[in-house]
Amino acid sequence: MNVKDYVLAALGAAIIAVLAQVAIPVPPVPFTGQTLAIGLVATILGPRLGTLAVAVYLLLGAVGLPVFANFSGGFAKLVGPTGGYLIGFLPAAYLTGLYLEKTSYTYMQAAVANIIGMFVALIFGTLWLMFSAELTWVGAVAGGMTPFIPLGLVKAALATWLGIYVRNRLMQAKLLVATN
């Protein structure tokens, strides 16, 4: 990794922090731009830098910087009812980027990758919600997964389109190097 890689990962973390503030507060889990940002960053940066960007974002939030939804932060967010979604962003970013690296950075493959990433984050979040809120699996799925699927698919489509577009532009400008 070089300085440019660290800068790209930091910019990815900043994108996630900014889009996290786009939120519609719906208890117990708000609709946010975080998942859009995770897919976008993973699509643009790939598995290694995309996951690093998410890790930096989570660390900034864990130490108390207000980068999580609704300008919140702190370790308590990571262990609270929505913590599973936040933690789930790590494997979601990695698997989204890895899928693209192993296939190709095309719109079709990016759509598949972003849908996979969306479900990974939702599954982590739903499992965590089930245990932390002492819900049944059916209750957790009904409250923590099902309502988020339609908008999640829209965000996956947006992350696909914008992510591939930006990635191609960064490649043309030689600011990003192909990994596959």
C-alpha atoms as a PDB file:
ATOM      1  CA  MET A   1       0.000   0.000   0.000  1.00  0.00           C
ATOM      2  CA  ASN A   2       1.179   3.476  -0.771  1.00  0.00           C
ATOM      3  CA  VAL A   3       0.130   6.977   0.271  1.00  0.00           C
ATOM      4  CA  LYS A   4      -2.368   7.189  -2.589  1.00  0.00           C
ATOM      5  CA  ASP A   5      -4.089   4.024  -1.322  1.00  0.00           C
ATOM      6  CA  TYR A   6      -4.398   5.485   2.171  1.00  0.00           C
ATOM      7  CA  VAL A   7      -5.788   8.718   0.747  1.00  0.00           C
ATOM      8  CA  LEU A   8      -8.350   6.792  -1.319  1.00  0.00           C
ATOM      9  CA  ALA A   9      -9.403   4.775   1.742  1.00  0.00           C
ATOM     10  CA  ALA A  10      -9.691   7.975   3.802  1.00  0.00           C
ATOM     11  CA  LEU A  11     -11.813   9.566   1.077  1.00  0.00           C
ATOM     12  CA  GLY A  12     -13.970   6.441   1.074  1.00  0.00           C
ATOM     13  CA  ALA A  13     -14.446   6.745   4.844  1.00  0.00           C
ATOM     14  CA  ALA A  14     -15.367  10.406   4.386  1.00  0.00           C
ATOM     15  CA  ILE A  15     -17.966   9.504   1.739  1.00  0.00           C
ATOM     16  CA  ILE A  16     -19.506   6.981   4.134  1.00  0.00           C
ATOM     17  CA  ALA A  17     -19.539   9.532   6.975  1.00  0.00           C
ATOM     18  CA  VAL A  18     -21.236  12.160   4.808  1.00  0.00           C
ATOM     19  CA  LEU A  19     -23.860   9.815   3.359  1.00  0.00           C
ATOM     20  CA  ALA A  20     -24.568   8.422   6.842  1.00  0.00           C
ATOM     21  CA  GLN A  21     -26.073  11.797   7.678  1.00  0.00           C
ATOM     22  CA  VAL A  22     -28.737  11.298   5.014  1.00  0.00           C
ATOM     23  CA  ALA A  23     -31.190   9.553   7.308  1.00  0.00           C
ATOM     24  CA  ILE A  24     -34.879   8.934   7.815  1.00  0.00           C
ATOM     25  CA  PRO A  25     -35.278   8.053  11.505  1.00  0.00           C
ATOM     26  CA  VAL A  26     -37.434   4.927  11.772  1.00  0.00           C
ATOM     27  CA  PRO A  27     -37.116   2.938  15.027  1.00  0.00           C
ATOM     28  CA  PRO A  28     -35.370   0.693  15.755  1.00  0.00           C
ATOM     29  CA  VAL A  29     -33.163   1.007  12.647  1.00  0.00           C
ATOM     30  CA  PRO A  30     -33.164   4.225  10.581  1.00  0.00           C
ATOM     31  CA  PHE A  31     -33.050   4.345   6.784  1.00  0.00           C
ATOM     32  CA  THR A  32     -29.641   5.876   5.999  1.00  0.00           C
ATOM     33  CA  GLY A  33     -27.283   6.592   3.153  1.00  0.00           C
ATOM     34  CA  GLN A  34     -24.635   4.436   4.861  1.00  0.00           C
ATOM     35  CA  THR A  35     -25.505   1.308   2.898  1.00  0.00           C
ATOM     36  CA  LEU A  36     -25.454   3.256  -0.357  1.00  0.00           C
ATOM     37  CA  ALA A  37     -22.011   4.546   0.607  1.00  0.00           C
ATOM     38  CA  ILE A  38     -20.717   1.082   1.506  1.00  0.00           C
ATOM     39  CA  GLY A  39     -21.713  -0.292  -1.904  1.00  0.00           C
ATOM     40  CA  LEU A  40     -20.386   2.780  -3.660  1.00  0.00           C
ATOM     41  CA  VAL A  41     -17.003   2.692  -1.917  1.00  0.00           C
ATOM     42  CA  ALA A  42     -16.619  -1.082  -2.382  1.00  0.00           C
ATOM     43  CA  THR A  43     -17.525  -0.801  -6.074  1.00  0.00           C
ATOM     44  CA  ILE A  44     -15.049   2.001  -6.654  1.00  0.00           C
ATOM     45  CA  LEU A  45     -12.154   0.833  -4.485  1.00  0.00           C
ATOM     46  CA  GLY A  46     -12.466  -2.958  -4.503  1.00  0.00           C
ATOM     47  CA  PRO A  47     -12.152  -5.373  -1.585  1.00  0.00           C
ATOM     48  CA  ARG A  48      -8.907  -4.218   0.014  1.00  0.00           C
ATOM     49  CA  LEU A  49      -9.288  -0.430  -0.041  1.00  0.00           C
ATOM     50  CA  GLY A  50     -13.081  -0.564   0.259  1.00  0.00           C
ATOM     51  CA  THR A  51     -12.859  -2.646   3.428  1.00  0.00           C
ATOM     52  CA  LEU A  52     -10.112  -0.392   4.774  1.00  0.00           C
ATOM     53  CA  ALA A  53     -12.362   2.628   4.177  1.00  0.00           C
ATOM     54  CA  VAL A  54     -15.166   0.953   6.147  1.00  0.00           C
ATOM     55  CA  ALA A  55     -12.764   0.004   8.957  1.00  0.00           C
ATOM     56  CA  VAL A  56     -11.528   3.605   9.195  1.00  0.00           C
ATOM     57  CA  TYR A  57     -15.135   4.831   9.266  1.00  0.00           C
ATOM     58  CA  LEU A  58     -16.052   2.382  12.047  1.00  0.00           C
ATOM     59  CA  LEU A  59     -12.951   3.279  14.076  1.00  0.00           C
ATOM     60  CA  LEU A  60     -13.716   6.989  13.780  1.00  0.00           C
ATOM     61  CA  GLY A  61     -17.242   6.338  15.004  1.00  0.00           C
ATOM     62  CA  ALA A  62     -16.106   3.972  17.763  1.00  0.00           C
ATOM     63  CA  VAL A  63     -13.810   6.600  19.272  1.00  0.00           C
ATOM     64  CA  GLY A  64     -16.705   9.024  19.420  1.00  0.00           C
ATOM     65  CA  LEU A  65     -16.537  11.118  16.279  1.00  0.00           C
ATOM     66  CA  PRO A  66     -20.089  11.835  15.062  1.00  0.00           C
ATOM     67  CA  VAL A  67     -19.828   9.928  11.777  1.00  0.00           C
ATOM     68  CA  PHE A  68     -22.676   7.460  12.303  1.00  0.00           C
ATOM     69  CA  ALA A  69     -26.277   8.251  11.352  1.00  0.00           C
ATOM     70  CA  ASN A  70     -27.746  11.401  12.887  1.00  0.00           C
ATOM     71  CA  PHE A  71     -24.267  12.696  13.775  1.00  0.00           C
ATOM     72  CA  SER A  72     -23.802  10.027  16.422  1.00  0.00           C
ATOM     73  CA  GLY A  73     -20.719   8.139  17.465  1.00  0.00           C
ATOM     74  CA  GLY A  74     -19.240   6.124  20.267  1.00  0.00           C
ATOM     75  CA  PHE A  75     -18.521   2.496  21.025  1.00  0.00           C
ATOM     76  CA  ALA A  76     -22.045   2.063  22.424  1.00  0.00           C
ATOM     77  CA  LYS A  77     -23.404   2.365  18.870  1.00  0.00           C
ATOM     78  CA  LEU A  78     -21.370  -0.669  17.839  1.00  0.00           C
ATOM     79  CA  VAL A  79     -22.795  -2.809  20.630  1.00  0.00           C
ATOM     80  CA  GLY A  80     -26.329  -1.369  20.598  1.00  0.00           C
ATOM     81  CA  PRO A  81     -29.308  -2.681  18.607  1.00  0.00           C
ATOM     82  CA  THR A  82     -28.009  -1.264  15.302  1.00  0.00           C
ATOM     83  CA  GLY A  83     -24.415  -2.380  15.881  1.00  0.00           C
ATOM     84  CA  GLY A  84     -24.810  -5.488  13.758  1.00  0.00           C
ATOM     85  CA  TYR A  85     -25.557  -3.385  10.698  1.00  0.00           C
ATOM     86  CA  LEU A  86     -22.450  -1.297  11.324  1.00  0.00           C
ATOM     87  CA  ILE A  87     -20.242  -4.362  11.863  1.00  0.00           C
ATOM     88  CA  GLY A  88     -21.899  -6.009   8.853  1.00  0.00           C
ATOM     89  CA  PHE A  89     -20.565  -3.202   6.666  1.00  0.00           C
ATOM     90  CA  LEU A  90     -17.083  -4.783   6.861  1.00  0.00           C
ATOM     91  CA  PRO A  91     -17.977  -8.152   5.279  1.00  0.00           C
ATOM     92  CA  ALA A  92     -20.459  -6.418   2.966  1.00  0.00           C
ATOM     93  CA  ALA A  93     -17.744  -4.148   1.558  1.00  0.00           C
ATOM     94  CA  TYR A  94     -15.224  -6.956   1.342  1.00  0.00           C
ATOM     95  CA  LEU A  95     -17.584  -9.387  -0.412  1.00  0.00           C
ATOM     96  CA  THR A  96     -18.903  -6.714  -2.784  1.00  0.00           C
ATOM     97  CA  GLY A  97     -15.375  -5.778  -3.810  1.00  0.00           C
ATOM     98  CA  LEU A  98     -14.168  -9.375  -3.907  1.00  0.00           C
ATOM     99  CA  TYR A  99     -17.035 -10.443  -6.159  1.00  0.00           C
ATOM    100  CA  LEU A 100     -16.167  -7.637  -8.578  1.00  0.00           C
ATOM    101  CA  GLU A 101     -12.457  -8.428  -8.430  1.00  0.00           C
ATOM    102  CA  LYS A 102     -13.128 -12.108  -9.200  1.00  0.00           C
ATOM    103  CA  THR A 103     -15.617 -11.378 -12.009  1.00  0.00           C
ATOM    104  CA  SER A 104     -15.403  -7.969 -13.666  1.00  0.00           C
ATOM    105  CA  TYR A 105     -16.157  -4.351 -12.932  1.00  0.00           C
ATOM    106  CA  THR A 106     -19.189  -4.142 -15.207  1.00  0.00           C
ATOM    107  CA  TYR A 107     -22.624  -2.756 -14.460  1.00  0.00           C
ATOM    108  CA  MET A 108     -24.192  -6.233 -14.414  1.00  0.00           C
ATOM    109  CA  GLN A 109     -21.584  -7.734 -12.087  1.00  0.00           C
ATOM    110  CA  ALA A 110     -21.662  -4.649  -9.868  1.00  0.00           C
ATOM    111  CA  ALA A 111     -25.441  -4.985  -9.526  1.00  0.00           C
ATOM    112  CA  VAL A 112     -25.036  -8.594  -8.369  1.00  0.00           C
ATOM    113  CA  ALA A 113     -22.182  -7.622  -6.023  1.00  0.00           C
ATOM    114  CA  ASN A 114     -24.129  -4.748  -4.474  1.00  0.00           C
ATOM    115  CA  ILE A 115     -27.210  -6.888  -3.911  1.00  0.00           C
ATOM    116  CA  ILE A 116     -25.023  -9.516  -2.219  1.00  0.00           C
ATOM    117  CA  GLY A 117     -23.450  -6.805  -0.064  1.00  0.00           C
ATOM    118  CA  MET A 118     -26.853  -5.403   0.856  1.00  0.00           C
ATOM    119  CA  PHE A 119     -28.061  -8.791   2.068  1.00  0.00           C
ATOM    120  CA  VAL A 120     -24.832  -9.464   3.976  1.00  0.00           C
ATOM    121  CA  ALA A 121     -25.235  -6.210   5.940  1.00  0.00           C
ATOM    122  CA  LEU A 122     -28.939  -6.912   6.505  1.00  0.00           C
ATOM    123  CA  ILE A 123     -28.275 -10.432   7.761  1.00  0.00           C
ATOM    124  CA  PHE A 124     -25.575  -9.264  10.195  1.00  0.00           C
ATOM    125  CA  GLY A 125     -27.823  -6.462  11.409  1.00  0.00           C
ATOM    126  CA  THR A 126     -30.890  -8.667  11.746  1.00  0.00           C
ATOM    127  CA  LEU A 127     -29.016 -11.324  13.716  1.00  0.00           C
ATOM    128  CA  TRP A 128     -27.548  -8.700  16.039  1.00  0.00           C
ATOM    129  CA  LEU A 129     -30.960  -7.037  16.444  1.00  0.00           C
ATOM    130  CA  MET A 130     -32.532 -10.391  17.278  1.00  0.00           C
ATOM    131  CA  PHE A 131     -30.082 -11.021  20.113  1.00  0.00           C
ATOM    132  CA  SER A 132     -29.696  -7.471  21.436  1.00  0.00           C
ATOM    133  CA  ALA A 133     -33.422  -6.711  21.419  1.00  0.00           C
ATOM    134  CA  GLU A 134     -34.359 -10.261  22.422  1.00  0.00           C
ATOM    135  CA  LEU A 135     -36.607 -10.721  19.398  1.00  0.00           C
ATOM    136  CA  THR A 136     -37.632 -13.916  17.677  1.00  0.00           C
ATOM    137  CA  TRP A 137     -36.100 -14.568  14.260  1.00  0.00           C
ATOM    138  CA  VAL A 138     -39.455 -13.748  12.643  1.00  0.00           C
ATOM    139  CA  GLY A 139     -39.724 -10.520  14.638  1.00  0.00           C
ATOM    140  CA  ALA A 140     -36.166  -9.493  13.813  1.00  0.00           C
ATOM    141  CA  VAL A 141     -36.654 -10.191  10.093  1.00  0.00           C
ATOM    142  CA  ALA A 142     -39.983  -8.339  10.091  1.00  0.00           C
ATOM    143  CA  GLY A 143     -38.521  -5.291  11.827  1.00  0.00           C
ATOM    144  CA  GLY A 144     -34.882  -5.326  10.822  1.00  0.00           C
ATOM    145  CA  MET A 145     -34.714  -6.761   7.322  1.00  0.00           C
ATOM    146  CA  THR A 146     -37.939  -6.824   5.321  1.00  0.00           C
ATOM    147  CA  PRO A 147     -38.665  -3.065   5.468  1.00  0.00           C
ATOM    148  CA  PHE A 148     -35.166  -2.306   4.177  1.00  0.00           C
ATOM    149  CA  ILE A 149     -35.091  -4.572   1.131  1.00  0.00           C
ATOM    150  CA  PRO A 150     -36.987  -2.366  -1.386  1.00  0.00           C
ATOM    151  CA  LEU A 151     -34.963   0.765  -0.625  1.00  0.00           C
ATOM    152  CA  GLY A 152     -31.831  -1.381  -0.347  1.00  0.00           C
ATOM    153  CA  LEU A 153     -32.333  -2.560  -3.919  1.00  0.00           C
ATOM    154  CA  VAL A 154     -32.669   1.056  -5.073  1.00  0.00           C
ATOM    155  CA  LYS A 155     -29.468   1.964  -3.209  1.00  0.00           C
ATOM    156  CA  ALA A 156     -27.701  -1.082  -4.695  1.00  0.00           C
ATOM    157  CA  ALA A 157     -28.704   0.081  -8.185  1.00  0.00           C
ATOM    158  CA  LEU A 158     -27.488   3.599  -7.464  1.00  0.00           C
ATOM    159  CA  ALA A 159     -24.188   2.320  -5.998  1.00  0.00           C
ATOM    160  CA  THR A 160     -23.783   0.147  -9.093  1.00  0.00           C
ATOM    161  CA  TRP A 161     -24.313   2.915 -11.608  1.00  0.00           C
ATOM    162  CA  LEU A 162     -22.391   5.632  -9.805  1.00  0.00           C
ATOM    163  CA  GLY A 163     -19.668   3.275  -8.560  1.00  0.00           C
ATOM    164  CA  ILE A 164     -18.791   1.870 -11.984  1.00  0.00           C
ATOM    165  CA  TYR A 165     -18.945   5.336 -13.538  1.00  0.00           C
ATOM    166  CA  VAL A 166     -16.600   6.869 -10.928  1.00  0.00           C
ATOM    167  CA  ARG A 167     -14.294   3.835 -10.962  1.00  0.00           C
ATOM    168  CA  ASN A 168     -13.934   4.061 -14.750  1.00  0.00           C
ATOM    169  CA  ARG A 169     -13.183   7.782 -14.522  1.00  0.00           C
ATOM    170  CA  LEU A 170     -10.563   7.219 -11.805  1.00  0.00           C
ATOM    171  CA  MET A 171      -8.999   4.473 -13.920  1.00  0.00           C
ATOM    172  CA  GLN A 172      -8.867   6.784 -16.956  1.00  0.00           C
ATOM    173  CA  ALA A 173      -7.194   9.447 -14.825  1.00  0.00           C
ATOM    174  CA  LYS A 174      -4.729   6.804 -13.562  1.00  0.00           C
ATOM    175  CA  LEU A 175      -5.753   7.530  -9.965  1.00  0.00           C
ATOM    176  CA  LEU A 176      -6.850   3.936  -9.460  1.00  0.00           C
ATOM    177  CA  VAL A 177      -5.065   0.812 -10.673  1.00  0.00           C
ATOM    178  CA  ALA A 178      -6.983  -2.239 -11.889  1.00  0.00           C
ATOM    179  CA  THR A 179      -6.751  -5.264  -9.624  1.00  0.00           C
ATOM    180  CA  ASN A 180      -8.130  -7.784 -12.117  1.00  0.00           C
END
